[in-house]
Amino acid sequence: MTPLPDRRRWIAATLAAFAGALPLIAAAQAWPAKPIRWVVAFPAGGGSDFLARQLAPQLGKQLGQTLVIDNRPGAAGIIGTDNAAKSPPDGYTIVTADNGAMVFHSAMYKKLPYDPQDLTPVGFMARFPLILAVNPNAGFSSAKQLLDQVKQNPGRFSYASPGIGSPHHLAMELLKDRTKSFIVHVPYRGTAFAVQDVISGQVPMMVLDTAAGLPQIRSGKVKALAVMSTKRIPSLPDVPTLDEIGVKDFEVTAWQGLFVPKGTPADIVSRLSVEMNKAITTPEVKGRLEEFGLEVTPSDGPALAAFVQKETVFWHRLIRERGLSAE
């Protein structure tokens, strides 16, 4: 039999824990009772911002509350992600997080102000296919020719990226690893600056996502040589996959998931997941996203959590082996 003093302490501790949980239980039952803040860790006008702003009105309509987009750009998405991770877990802060925030940064940076485990997955939203693109006057007629040229001339060519640790950067590093090539990395502070220097011919090539790349490709300012998906994409049906030119089992995308601060009540997370999936597959919303170049990929929290874990194992190993760092 448990001694009486220990039993009293156990009862007191249990009651205290229950009392501490009451505010969250009450909040979950009434949720949402006020506007919800949606943190986007990138500038207004970019792909992540576009996704959130297209989805927010429909999701807000379903929830019966306004979703307010809060752009908090900086440090490759770290500032906004950290802000969301440290927000109260009451269901009134949600955040868009991508490969960088949830996978790459924890290996690329010696210290992060947040831990990816500080965020609970709600579900996948969409992904941006990635494209190997070049300046039209760079002299590359195909992806195979480009790869042959860079292998024959290690260090002669360079590529631009939106920044160290971006999906675009890591995609090219994986391509270099798979093809045993050496191409010099020229990182920029954002996609716009990188694209401009490829257009002007300062740098011959880069990896572009469909949101930023399709307008430039359609206007002829840059040339698409290959897509980094396992299948050709509808927006560029004539552009081959890397698999088609001999780089087997190659797939990298810039994906976007919805997350909440760890500790957010499970029923709120569950409802958010259901409503988000419903909103993003609404024909009007889905159509606008696909026109912008996104692939709509809804899922639930557990599926996203499993995917993040798998991605973390794969990319952390590559980052270590290639000695990559953002410091």
C-alpha atoms as a PDB file:
ATOM      1  CA  MET A   1       0.000   0.000   0.000  1.00  0.00           C
ATOM      2  CA  THR A   2       1.271   3.474  -0.881  1.00  0.00           C
ATOM      3  CA  PRO A   3       2.179   5.449   2.271  1.00  0.00           C
ATOM      4  CA  LEU A   4      -0.381   8.174   2.981  1.00  0.00           C
ATOM      5  CA  PRO A   5       1.996  11.181   2.529  1.00  0.00           C
ATOM      6  CA  ASP A   6       3.063   9.862  -0.897  1.00  0.00           C
ATOM      7  CA  ARG A   7      -0.552   9.300  -1.883  1.00  0.00           C
ATOM      8  CA  ARG A   8      -1.450  12.837  -0.859  1.00  0.00           C
ATOM      9  CA  ARG A   9       1.426  14.201  -2.922  1.00  0.00           C
ATOM     10  CA  TRP A  10       0.315  12.106  -5.900  1.00  0.00           C
ATOM     11  CA  ILE A  11      -3.278  13.353  -5.584  1.00  0.00           C
ATOM     12  CA  ALA A  12      -2.087  16.943  -5.249  1.00  0.00           C
ATOM     13  CA  ALA A  13       0.175  16.623  -8.276  1.00  0.00           C
ATOM     14  CA  THR A  14      -2.624  15.073 -10.329  1.00  0.00           C
ATOM     15  CA  LEU A  15      -5.069  17.832  -9.389  1.00  0.00           C
ATOM     16  CA  ALA A  16      -2.472  20.485 -10.183  1.00  0.00           C
ATOM     17  CA  ALA A  17      -1.786  18.963 -13.585  1.00  0.00           C
ATOM     18  CA  PHE A  18      -5.502  18.781 -14.315  1.00  0.00           C
ATOM     19  CA  ALA A  19      -5.983  22.391 -13.230  1.00  0.00           C
ATOM     20  CA  GLY A  20      -3.118  23.449 -15.461  1.00  0.00           C
ATOM     21  CA  ALA A  21      -4.702  21.703 -18.416  1.00  0.00           C
ATOM     22  CA  LEU A  22      -8.134  23.275 -17.903  1.00  0.00           C
ATOM     23  CA  PRO A  23      -7.346  26.504 -19.804  1.00  0.00           C
ATOM     24  CA  LEU A  24      -6.152  24.531 -22.834  1.00  0.00           C
ATOM     25  CA  ILE A  25      -9.180  22.227 -22.667  1.00  0.00           C
ATOM     26  CA  ALA A  26     -11.536  25.209 -22.478  1.00  0.00           C
ATOM     27  CA  ALA A  27      -9.697  26.982 -25.293  1.00  0.00           C
ATOM     28  CA  ALA A  28      -9.896  23.907 -27.511  1.00  0.00           C
ATOM     29  CA  GLN A  29     -13.645  23.599 -26.944  1.00  0.00           C
ATOM     30  CA  ALA A  30     -14.252  27.237 -27.937  1.00  0.00           C
ATOM     31  CA  TRP A  31     -11.711  27.338 -30.755  1.00  0.00           C
ATOM     32  CA  PRO A  32     -11.561  29.400 -32.841  1.00  0.00           C
ATOM     33  CA  ALA A  33     -12.983  32.358 -30.927  1.00  0.00           C
ATOM     34  CA  LYS A  34     -10.750  35.040 -32.505  1.00  0.00           C
ATOM     35  CA  PRO A  35      -8.588  35.594 -35.625  1.00  0.00           C
ATOM     36  CA  ILE A  36      -5.731  33.165 -36.247  1.00  0.00           C
ATOM     37  CA  ARG A  37      -2.220  34.399 -37.044  1.00  0.00           C
ATOM     38  CA  TRP A  38      -0.538  32.645 -39.969  1.00  0.00           C
ATOM     39  CA  VAL A  39       3.229  33.127 -39.861  1.00  0.00           C
ATOM     40  CA  VAL A  40       4.998  33.077 -43.233  1.00  0.00           C
ATOM     41  CA  ALA A  41       8.759  33.172 -42.727  1.00  0.00           C
ATOM     42  CA  PHE A  42       9.387  34.706 -46.160  1.00  0.00           C
ATOM     43  CA  PRO A  43       8.675  38.070 -47.814  1.00  0.00           C
ATOM     44  CA  ALA A  44       5.320  39.073 -49.260  1.00  0.00           C
ATOM     45  CA  GLY A  45       5.022  38.263 -52.947  1.00  0.00           C
ATOM     46  CA  GLY A  46       7.010  35.016 -52.905  1.00  0.00           C
ATOM     47  CA  GLY A  47       5.771  31.467 -53.396  1.00  0.00           C
ATOM     48  CA  SER A  48       5.217  30.717 -49.704  1.00  0.00           C
ATOM     49  CA  ASP A  49       3.298  33.958 -49.281  1.00  0.00           C
ATOM     50  CA  PHE A  50       1.194  33.241 -52.365  1.00  0.00           C
ATOM     51  CA  LEU A  51       0.229  29.806 -51.052  1.00  0.00           C
ATOM     52  CA  ALA A  52      -0.836  31.157 -47.661  1.00  0.00           C
ATOM     53  CA  ARG A  53      -2.802  34.075 -49.121  1.00  0.00           C
ATOM     54  CA  GLN A  54      -4.649  31.856 -51.570  1.00  0.00           C
ATOM     55  CA  LEU A  55      -5.558  29.319 -48.901  1.00  0.00           C
ATOM     56  CA  ALA A  56      -6.303  31.667 -45.985  1.00  0.00           C
ATOM     57  CA  PRO A  57      -9.697  33.067 -47.135  1.00  0.00           C
ATOM     58  CA  GLN A  58     -11.163  29.617 -47.803  1.00  0.00           C
ATOM     59  CA  LEU A  59      -9.750  28.137 -44.592  1.00  0.00           C
ATOM     60  CA  GLY A  60     -10.993  31.138 -42.621  1.00  0.00           C
ATOM     61  CA  LYS A  61     -14.449  30.782 -44.147  1.00  0.00           C
ATOM     62  CA  GLN A  62     -14.607  27.145 -43.060  1.00  0.00           C
ATOM     63  CA  LEU A  63     -13.382  27.944 -39.531  1.00  0.00           C
ATOM     64  CA  GLY A  64     -15.564  31.017 -39.135  1.00  0.00           C
ATOM     65  CA  GLN A  65     -12.623  33.301 -38.335  1.00  0.00           C
ATOM     66  CA  THR A  66     -10.166  35.533 -40.172  1.00  0.00           C
ATOM     67  CA  LEU A  67      -6.661  34.222 -40.831  1.00  0.00           C
ATOM     68  CA  VAL A  68      -4.147  37.077 -40.700  1.00  0.00           C
ATOM     69  CA  ILE A  69      -0.935  36.571 -42.691  1.00  0.00           C
ATOM     70  CA  ASP A  70       2.113  37.674 -40.685  1.00  0.00           C
ATOM     71  CA  ASN A  71       5.222  37.861 -42.899  1.00  0.00           C
ATOM     72  CA  ARG A  72       8.380  37.529 -40.827  1.00  0.00           C
ATOM     73  CA  PRO A  73      11.227  37.055 -43.325  1.00  0.00           C
ATOM     74  CA  GLY A  74      14.921  36.800 -42.603  1.00  0.00           C
ATOM     75  CA  ALA A  75      17.771  34.344 -42.001  1.00  0.00           C
ATOM     76  CA  ALA A  76      16.498  31.786 -44.538  1.00  0.00           C
ATOM     77  CA  GLY A  77      13.173  31.473 -42.720  1.00  0.00           C
ATOM     78  CA  ILE A  78      14.668  31.031 -39.266  1.00  0.00           C
ATOM     79  CA  ILE A  79      13.263  34.259 -37.788  1.00  0.00           C
ATOM     80  CA  GLY A  80       9.642  33.520 -38.623  1.00  0.00           C
ATOM     81  CA  THR A  81       9.854  29.839 -37.753  1.00  0.00           C
ATOM     82  CA  ASP A  82      11.399  30.642 -34.386  1.00  0.00           C
ATOM     83  CA  ASN A  83       8.678  33.196 -33.682  1.00  0.00           C
ATOM     84  CA  ALA A  84       5.975  30.626 -34.359  1.00  0.00           C
ATOM     85  CA  ALA A  85       7.713  27.880 -32.374  1.00  0.00           C
ATOM     86  CA  LYS A  86       7.851  30.140 -29.314  1.00  0.00           C
ATOM     87  CA  SER A  87       4.207  31.288 -29.572  1.00  0.00           C
ATOM     88  CA  PRO A  88       1.509  30.055 -27.160  1.00  0.00           C
ATOM     89  CA  PRO A  89       0.221  26.594 -28.150  1.00  0.00           C
ATOM     90  CA  ASP A  90      -3.408  27.711 -28.129  1.00  0.00           C
ATOM     91  CA  GLY A  91      -4.349  27.232 -31.786  1.00  0.00           C
ATOM     92  CA  TYR A  92      -4.077  30.912 -32.666  1.00  0.00           C
ATOM     93  CA  THR A  93      -0.665  30.667 -34.335  1.00  0.00           C
ATOM     94  CA  ILE A  94      -0.002  28.506 -37.384  1.00  0.00           C
ATOM     95  CA  VAL A  95       3.090  28.576 -39.592  1.00  0.00           C
ATOM     96  CA  THR A  96       4.197  27.544 -43.049  1.00  0.00           C
ATOM     97  CA  ALA A  97       7.446  25.572 -42.762  1.00  0.00           C
ATOM     98  CA  ASP A  98       9.511  24.062 -45.552  1.00  0.00           C
ATOM     99  CA  ASN A  99      12.492  21.760 -46.174  1.00  0.00           C
ATOM    100  CA  GLY A 100      14.858  24.373 -44.813  1.00  0.00           C
ATOM    101  CA  ALA A 101      13.080  25.049 -41.552  1.00  0.00           C
ATOM    102  CA  MET A 102      12.235  21.445 -40.727  1.00  0.00           C
ATOM    103  CA  VAL A 103      15.144  19.482 -42.249  1.00  0.00           C
ATOM    104  CA  PHE A 104      18.158  21.353 -43.637  1.00  0.00           C
ATOM    105  CA  HIS A 105      18.802  24.047 -41.038  1.00  0.00           C
ATOM    106  CA  SER A 106      19.310  21.689 -38.109  1.00  0.00           C
ATOM    107  CA  ALA A 107      22.262  20.186 -39.999  1.00  0.00           C
ATOM    108  CA  MET A 108      23.538  23.331 -41.736  1.00  0.00           C
ATOM    109  CA  TYR A 109      23.675  25.547 -38.620  1.00  0.00           C
ATOM    110  CA  LYS A 110      25.628  24.774 -35.476  1.00  0.00           C
ATOM    111  CA  LYS A 111      22.983  26.539 -33.421  1.00  0.00           C
ATOM    112  CA  LEU A 112      19.321  27.148 -34.169  1.00  0.00           C
ATOM    113  CA  PRO A 113      17.093  29.251 -31.903  1.00  0.00           C
ATOM    114  CA  TYR A 114      14.395  26.586 -32.236  1.00  0.00           C
ATOM    115  CA  ASP A 115      14.257  22.803 -32.523  1.00  0.00           C
ATOM    116  CA  PRO A 116      12.141  21.359 -35.370  1.00  0.00           C
ATOM    117  CA  GLN A 117      10.515  19.233 -32.654  1.00  0.00           C
ATOM    118  CA  ASP A 118       9.093  22.478 -31.219  1.00  0.00           C
ATOM    119  CA  LEU A 119       6.530  22.396 -34.035  1.00  0.00           C
ATOM    120  CA  THR A 120       3.708  19.880 -34.501  1.00  0.00           C
ATOM    121  CA  PRO A 121       2.783  18.887 -38.076  1.00  0.00           C
ATOM    122  CA  VAL A 122      -0.747  19.625 -39.246  1.00  0.00           C
ATOM    123  CA  GLY A 123      -0.286  18.369 -42.799  1.00  0.00           C
ATOM    124  CA  PHE A 124       1.315  18.800 -46.187  1.00  0.00           C
ATOM    125  CA  MET A 125      -0.026  21.611 -48.333  1.00  0.00           C
ATOM    126  CA  ALA A 126       1.881  21.741 -51.611  1.00  0.00           C
ATOM    127  CA  ARG A 127       5.255  21.490 -53.235  1.00  0.00           C
ATOM    128  CA  PHE A 128       7.115  23.470 -55.853  1.00  0.00           C
ATOM    129  CA  PRO A 129       8.778  21.300 -58.520  1.00  0.00           C
ATOM    130  CA  LEU A 130      12.387  22.308 -59.162  1.00  0.00           C
ATOM    131  CA  ILE A 131      13.936  23.005 -62.560  1.00  0.00           C
ATOM    132  CA  LEU A 132      17.532  23.006 -63.776  1.00  0.00           C
ATOM    133  CA  ALA A 133      17.647  26.248 -65.774  1.00  0.00           C
ATOM    134  CA  VAL A 134      20.310  28.163 -67.688  1.00  0.00           C
ATOM    135  CA  ASN A 135      20.884  31.442 -69.462  1.00  0.00           C
ATOM    136  CA  PRO A 136      19.789  30.837 -73.099  1.00  0.00           C
ATOM    137  CA  ASN A 137      23.148  32.106 -74.351  1.00  0.00           C
ATOM    138  CA  ALA A 138      25.264  29.975 -72.000  1.00  0.00           C
ATOM    139  CA  GLY A 139      25.847  27.386 -74.718  1.00  0.00           C
ATOM    140  CA  PHE A 140      23.970  24.464 -73.160  1.00  0.00           C
ATOM    141  CA  SER A 141      21.509  22.745 -75.496  1.00  0.00           C
ATOM    142  CA  SER A 142      20.473  19.989 -73.073  1.00  0.00           C
ATOM    143  CA  ALA A 143      20.906  18.825 -69.506  1.00  0.00           C
ATOM    144  CA  LYS A 144      23.086  15.941 -70.699  1.00  0.00           C
ATOM    145  CA  GLN A 145      25.398  18.342 -72.504  1.00  0.00           C
ATOM    146  CA  LEU A 146      25.585  20.568 -69.425  1.00  0.00           C
ATOM    147  CA  LEU A 147      26.507  17.654 -67.182  1.00  0.00           C
ATOM    148  CA  ASP A 148      29.088  16.447 -69.672  1.00  0.00           C
ATOM    149  CA  GLN A 149      30.628  19.927 -69.823  1.00  0.00           C
ATOM    150  CA  VAL A 150      30.840  20.432 -66.057  1.00  0.00           C
ATOM    151  CA  LYS A 151      32.354  16.968 -65.549  1.00  0.00           C
ATOM    152  CA  GLN A 152      35.020  17.686 -68.175  1.00  0.00           C
ATOM    153  CA  ASN A 153      35.748  21.129 -66.689  1.00  0.00           C
ATOM    154  CA  PRO A 154      35.591  20.859 -62.862  1.00  0.00           C
ATOM    155  CA  GLY A 155      35.354  24.270 -61.201  1.00  0.00           C
ATOM    156  CA  ARG A 156      34.973  26.198 -64.444  1.00  0.00           C
ATOM    157  CA  PHE A 157      31.213  26.710 -64.129  1.00  0.00           C
ATOM    158  CA  SER A 158      29.144  28.225 -61.342  1.00  0.00           C
ATOM    159  CA  TYR A 159      25.518  28.147 -60.276  1.00  0.00           C
ATOM    160  CA  ALA A 160      23.336  30.646 -58.430  1.00  0.00           C
ATOM    161  CA  SER A 161      20.945  29.868 -55.595  1.00  0.00           C
ATOM    162  CA  PRO A 162      18.473  31.880 -53.477  1.00  0.00           C
ATOM    163  CA  GLY A 163      20.705  31.223 -50.471  1.00  0.00           C
ATOM    164  CA  ILE A 164      22.741  28.702 -48.527  1.00  0.00           C
ATOM    165  CA  GLY A 165      20.571  25.904 -47.200  1.00  0.00           C
ATOM    166  CA  SER A 166      17.682  26.544 -49.593  1.00  0.00           C
ATOM    167  CA  PRO A 167      16.053  23.573 -51.363  1.00  0.00           C
ATOM    168  CA  HIS A 168      17.522  24.946 -54.606  1.00  0.00           C
ATOM    169  CA  HIS A 169      21.039  24.859 -53.132  1.00  0.00           C
ATOM    170  CA  LEU A 170      20.676  21.348 -51.710  1.00  0.00           C
ATOM    171  CA  ALA A 171      19.125  20.061 -54.942  1.00  0.00           C
ATOM    172  CA  MET A 172      22.189  21.152 -56.907  1.00  0.00           C
ATOM    173  CA  GLU A 173      24.519  19.696 -54.272  1.00  0.00           C
ATOM    174  CA  LEU A 174      22.722  16.363 -54.606  1.00  0.00           C
ATOM    175  CA  LEU A 175      23.066  16.562 -58.389  1.00  0.00           C
ATOM    176  CA  LYS A 176      26.784  17.298 -58.026  1.00  0.00           C
ATOM    177  CA  ASP A 177      27.102  14.347 -55.662  1.00  0.00           C
ATOM    178  CA  ARG A 178      25.250  11.943 -57.968  1.00  0.00           C
ATOM    179  CA  THR A 179      27.206  13.010 -61.083  1.00  0.00           C
ATOM    180  CA  LYS A 180      30.589  13.462 -59.354  1.00  0.00           C
ATOM    181  CA  SER A 181      30.755  17.046 -60.621  1.00  0.00           C
ATOM    182  CA  PHE A 182      32.253  20.233 -59.212  1.00  0.00           C
ATOM    183  CA  ILE A 183      30.271  23.422 -59.864  1.00  0.00           C
ATOM    184  CA  VAL A 184      30.975  26.557 -57.829  1.00  0.00           C
ATOM    185  CA  HIS A 185      28.098  27.737 -55.634  1.00  0.00           C
ATOM    186  CA  VAL A 186      27.200  31.448 -55.762  1.00  0.00           C
ATOM    187  CA  PRO A 187      24.556  32.103 -53.061  1.00  0.00           C
ATOM    188  CA  TYR A 188      22.277  35.171 -53.167  1.00  0.00           C
ATOM    189  CA  ARG A 189      19.883  36.771 -50.735  1.00  0.00           C
ATOM    190  CA  GLY A 190      16.695  35.630 -52.353  1.00  0.00           C
ATOM    191  CA  THR A 191      15.483  34.211 -55.647  1.00  0.00           C
ATOM    192  CA  ALA A 192      14.957  37.540 -57.420  1.00  0.00           C
ATOM    193  CA  PHE A 193      18.627  38.530 -57.229  1.00  0.00           C
ATOM    194  CA  ALA A 194      19.820  35.084 -58.303  1.00  0.00           C
ATOM    195  CA  VAL A 195      17.459  34.930 -61.280  1.00  0.00           C
ATOM    196  CA  GLN A 196      18.486  38.408 -62.404  1.00  0.00           C
ATOM    197  CA  ASP A 197      22.137  37.429 -62.583  1.00  0.00           C
ATOM    198  CA  VAL A 198      21.321  34.282 -64.543  1.00  0.00           C
ATOM    199  CA  ILE A 199      19.244  36.351 -66.970  1.00  0.00           C
ATOM    200  CA  SER A 200      22.069  38.859 -67.368  1.00  0.00           C
ATOM    201  CA  GLY A 201      24.638  36.100 -67.866  1.00  0.00           C
ATOM    202  CA  GLN A 202      26.662  36.794 -64.740  1.00  0.00           C
ATOM    203  CA  VAL A 203      26.047  33.186 -63.667  1.00  0.00           C
ATOM    204  CA  PRO A 204      25.179  30.525 -66.270  1.00  0.00           C
ATOM    205  CA  MET A 205      22.774  28.291 -64.347  1.00  0.00           C
ATOM    206  CA  MET A 206      20.636  27.717 -61.266  1.00  0.00           C
ATOM    207  CA  VAL A 207      17.869  25.582 -59.847  1.00  0.00           C
ATOM    208  CA  LEU A 208      14.529  27.396 -60.025  1.00  0.00           C
ATOM    209  CA  ASP A 209      11.179  26.509 -58.481  1.00  0.00           C
ATOM    210  CA  THR A 210       8.126  26.653 -60.705  1.00  0.00           C
ATOM    211  CA  ALA A 211       6.657  29.707 -58.978  1.00  0.00           C
ATOM    212  CA  ALA A 212       9.690  31.874 -59.765  1.00  0.00           C
ATOM    213  CA  GLY A 213      10.799  30.017 -62.880  1.00  0.00           C
ATOM    214  CA  LEU A 214       7.756  29.550 -65.091  1.00  0.00           C
ATOM    215  CA  PRO A 215       7.303  33.247 -65.982  1.00  0.00           C
ATOM    216  CA  GLN A 216      11.005  33.554 -66.867  1.00  0.00           C
ATOM    217  CA  ILE A 217      10.956  30.317 -68.880  1.00  0.00           C
ATOM    218  CA  ARG A 218       7.800  31.244 -70.789  1.00  0.00           C
ATOM    219  CA  SER A 219       9.239  34.661 -71.626  1.00  0.00           C
ATOM    220  CA  GLY A 220      12.449  33.066 -72.924  1.00  0.00           C
ATOM    221  CA  LYS A 221      14.658  34.822 -70.396  1.00  0.00           C
ATOM    222  CA  VAL A 222      15.919  31.503 -69.041  1.00  0.00           C
ATOM    223  CA  LYS A 223      15.895  28.014 -70.535  1.00  0.00           C
ATOM    224  CA  ALA A 224      14.643  24.893 -68.733  1.00  0.00           C
ATOM    225  CA  LEU A 225      16.877  21.854 -69.302  1.00  0.00           C
ATOM    226  CA  ALA A 226      15.430  19.313 -66.849  1.00  0.00           C
ATOM    227  CA  VAL A 227      12.933  18.956 -64.030  1.00  0.00           C
ATOM    228  CA  MET A 228      13.937  17.415 -60.712  1.00  0.00           C
ATOM    229  CA  SER A 229      10.731  15.415 -60.306  1.00  0.00           C
ATOM    230  CA  THR A 230      10.315  11.708 -61.021  1.00  0.00           C
ATOM    231  CA  LYS A 231       7.836  12.529 -63.809  1.00  0.00           C
ATOM    232  CA  ARG A 232       7.538  15.376 -66.275  1.00  0.00           C
ATOM    233  CA  ILE A 233       5.412  18.211 -64.948  1.00  0.00           C
ATOM    234  CA  PRO A 234       2.242  19.464 -66.705  1.00  0.00           C
ATOM    235  CA  SER A 235       3.487  23.048 -66.925  1.00  0.00           C
ATOM    236  CA  LEU A 236       6.638  21.945 -68.825  1.00  0.00           C
ATOM    237  CA  PRO A 237       5.615  18.791 -70.716  1.00  0.00           C
ATOM    238  CA  ASP A 238       8.541  18.976 -73.167  1.00  0.00           C
ATOM    239  CA  VAL A 239      11.238  19.226 -70.482  1.00  0.00           C
ATOM    240  CA  PRO A 240      12.730  15.846 -69.505  1.00  0.00           C
ATOM    241  CA  THR A 241      13.359  14.576 -66.007  1.00  0.00           C
ATOM    242  CA  LEU A 242      16.894  13.982 -64.779  1.00  0.00           C
ATOM    243  CA  ASP A 243      16.036  10.297 -64.651  1.00  0.00           C
ATOM    244  CA  GLU A 244      15.478  10.364 -68.416  1.00  0.00           C
ATOM    245  CA  ILE A 245      19.016  11.572 -69.032  1.00  0.00           C
ATOM    246  CA  GLY A 246      20.614   8.996 -66.765  1.00  0.00           C
ATOM    247  CA  VAL A 247      20.550  10.475 -63.237  1.00  0.00           C
ATOM    248  CA  LYS A 248      18.418   7.756 -61.688  1.00  0.00           C
ATOM    249  CA  ASP A 249      15.950   8.063 -58.790  1.00  0.00           C
ATOM    250  CA  PHE A 250      16.434  11.799 -58.509  1.00  0.00           C
ATOM    251  CA  GLU A 251      13.640  13.822 -56.904  1.00  0.00           C
ATOM    252  CA  VAL A 252      13.889  17.073 -54.987  1.00  0.00           C
ATOM    253  CA  THR A 253      11.081  19.573 -54.454  1.00  0.00           C
ATOM    254  CA  ALA A 254      10.581  22.678 -52.366  1.00  0.00           C
ATOM    255  CA  TRP A 255       7.743  21.468 -50.152  1.00  0.00           C
ATOM    256  CA  GLN A 256       5.454  23.411 -47.843  1.00  0.00           C
ATOM    257  CA  GLY A 257       3.749  22.080 -44.731  1.00  0.00           C
ATOM    258  CA  LEU A 258       1.476  23.585 -42.099  1.00  0.00           C
ATOM    259  CA  PHE A 259       2.627  23.404 -38.462  1.00  0.00           C
ATOM    260  CA  VAL A 260       1.586  24.670 -35.019  1.00  0.00           C
ATOM    261  CA  PRO A 261       3.548  25.193 -31.782  1.00  0.00           C
ATOM    262  CA  LYS A 262       4.196  21.989 -29.862  1.00  0.00           C
ATOM    263  CA  GLY A 263       1.560  21.500 -27.175  1.00  0.00           C
ATOM    264  CA  THR A 264      -1.370  22.758 -29.237  1.00  0.00           C
ATOM    265  CA  PRO A 265      -4.404  20.651 -28.189  1.00  0.00           C
ATOM    266  CA  ALA A 266      -4.784  17.526 -30.321  1.00  0.00           C
ATOM    267  CA  ASP A 267      -8.396  18.239 -31.275  1.00  0.00           C
ATOM    268  CA  ILE A 268      -7.400  21.650 -32.643  1.00  0.00           C
ATOM    269  CA  VAL A 269      -4.578  20.077 -34.660  1.00  0.00           C
ATOM    270  CA  SER A 270      -6.983  17.431 -35.971  1.00  0.00           C
ATOM    271  CA  ARG A 271      -9.624  19.967 -36.983  1.00  0.00           C
ATOM    272  CA  LEU A 272      -7.018  22.204 -38.612  1.00  0.00           C
ATOM    273  CA  SER A 273      -5.789  19.247 -40.629  1.00  0.00           C
ATOM    274  CA  VAL A 274      -9.261  18.285 -41.833  1.00  0.00           C
ATOM    275  CA  GLU A 275     -10.216  21.863 -42.709  1.00  0.00           C
ATOM    276  CA  MET A 276      -6.882  22.606 -44.389  1.00  0.00           C
ATOM    277  CA  ASN A 277      -7.182  19.533 -46.603  1.00  0.00           C
ATOM    278  CA  LYS A 278     -10.730  20.499 -47.503  1.00  0.00           C
ATOM    279  CA  ALA A 279      -9.745  24.095 -48.279  1.00  0.00           C
ATOM    280  CA  ILE A 280      -6.698  23.305 -50.407  1.00  0.00           C
ATOM    281  CA  THR A 281      -8.609  20.820 -52.557  1.00  0.00           C
ATOM    282  CA  THR A 282     -11.471  23.246 -53.197  1.00  0.00           C
ATOM    283  CA  PRO A 283     -11.511  23.525 -57.019  1.00  0.00           C
ATOM    284  CA  GLU A 284     -11.029  27.303 -57.052  1.00  0.00           C
ATOM    285  CA  VAL A 285      -8.100  27.250 -54.630  1.00  0.00           C
ATOM    286  CA  LYS A 286      -6.471  24.180 -56.163  1.00  0.00           C
ATOM    287  CA  GLY A 287      -6.800  25.666 -59.643  1.00  0.00           C
ATOM    288  CA  ARG A 288      -5.092  28.933 -58.692  1.00  0.00           C
ATOM    289  CA  LEU A 289      -2.250  27.111 -56.957  1.00  0.00           C
ATOM    290  CA  GLU A 290      -1.648  24.792 -59.896  1.00  0.00           C
ATOM    291  CA  GLU A 291      -1.706  27.714 -62.318  1.00  0.00           C
ATOM    292  CA  PHE A 292       1.058  29.279 -60.203  1.00  0.00           C
ATOM    293  CA  GLY A 293       3.113  26.096 -60.623  1.00  0.00           C
ATOM    294  CA  LEU A 294       2.426  24.283 -57.341  1.00  0.00           C
ATOM    295  CA  GLU A 295       1.553  20.629 -56.899  1.00  0.00           C
ATOM    296  CA  VAL A 296      -1.199  20.329 -54.295  1.00  0.00           C
ATOM    297  CA  THR A 297      -0.279  17.473 -51.932  1.00  0.00           C
ATOM    298  CA  PRO A 298      -2.634  17.390 -48.921  1.00  0.00           C
ATOM    299  CA  SER A 299      -2.020  14.968 -46.055  1.00  0.00           C
ATOM    300  CA  ASP A 300      -2.482  14.686 -42.297  1.00  0.00           C
ATOM    301  CA  GLY A 301      -0.048  15.409 -39.476  1.00  0.00           C
ATOM    302  CA  PRO A 302       1.268  11.865 -38.933  1.00  0.00           C
ATOM    303  CA  ALA A 303       2.046  11.478 -42.642  1.00  0.00           C
ATOM    304  CA  LEU A 304       3.950  14.762 -42.658  1.00  0.00           C
ATOM    305  CA  ALA A 305       5.821  13.808 -39.479  1.00  0.00           C
ATOM    306  CA  ALA A 306       6.935  10.515 -41.038  1.00  0.00           C
ATOM    307  CA  PHE A 307       8.031  12.313 -44.200  1.00  0.00           C
ATOM    308  CA  VAL A 308      10.056  14.890 -42.258  1.00  0.00           C
ATOM    309  CA  GLN A 309      11.800  12.106 -40.340  1.00  0.00           C
ATOM    310  CA  LYS A 310      12.714  10.289 -43.569  1.00  0.00           C
ATOM    311  CA  GLU A 311      13.919  13.525 -45.197  1.00  0.00           C
ATOM    312  CA  THR A 312      16.013  14.371 -42.146  1.00  0.00           C
ATOM    313  CA  VAL A 313      17.903  11.081 -42.285  1.00  0.00           C
ATOM    314  CA  PHE A 314      18.606  11.440 -46.008  1.00  0.00           C
ATOM    315  CA  TRP A 315      19.614  15.099 -46.121  1.00  0.00           C
ATOM    316  CA  HIS A 316      21.602  15.197 -42.883  1.00  0.00           C
ATOM    317  CA  ARG A 317      23.781  12.403 -44.206  1.00  0.00           C
ATOM    318  CA  LEU A 318      24.357  14.247 -47.497  1.00  0.00           C
ATOM    319  CA  ILE A 319      25.109  17.531 -45.691  1.00  0.00           C
ATOM    320  CA  ARG A 320      27.656  15.808 -43.449  1.00  0.00           C
ATOM    321  CA  GLU A 321      29.310  13.924 -46.302  1.00  0.00           C
ATOM    322  CA  ARG A 322      29.668  17.053 -48.418  1.00  0.00           C
ATOM    323  CA  GLY A 323      30.801  19.203 -45.501  1.00  0.00           C
ATOM    324  CA  LEU A 324      28.075  21.805 -46.096  1.00  0.00           C
ATOM    325  CA  SER A 325      27.556  24.588 -43.577  1.00  0.00           C
ATOM    326  CA  ALA A 326      25.670  27.878 -43.331  1.00  0.00           C
ATOM    327  CA  GLU A 327      27.990  29.339 -40.697  1.00  0.00           C
END
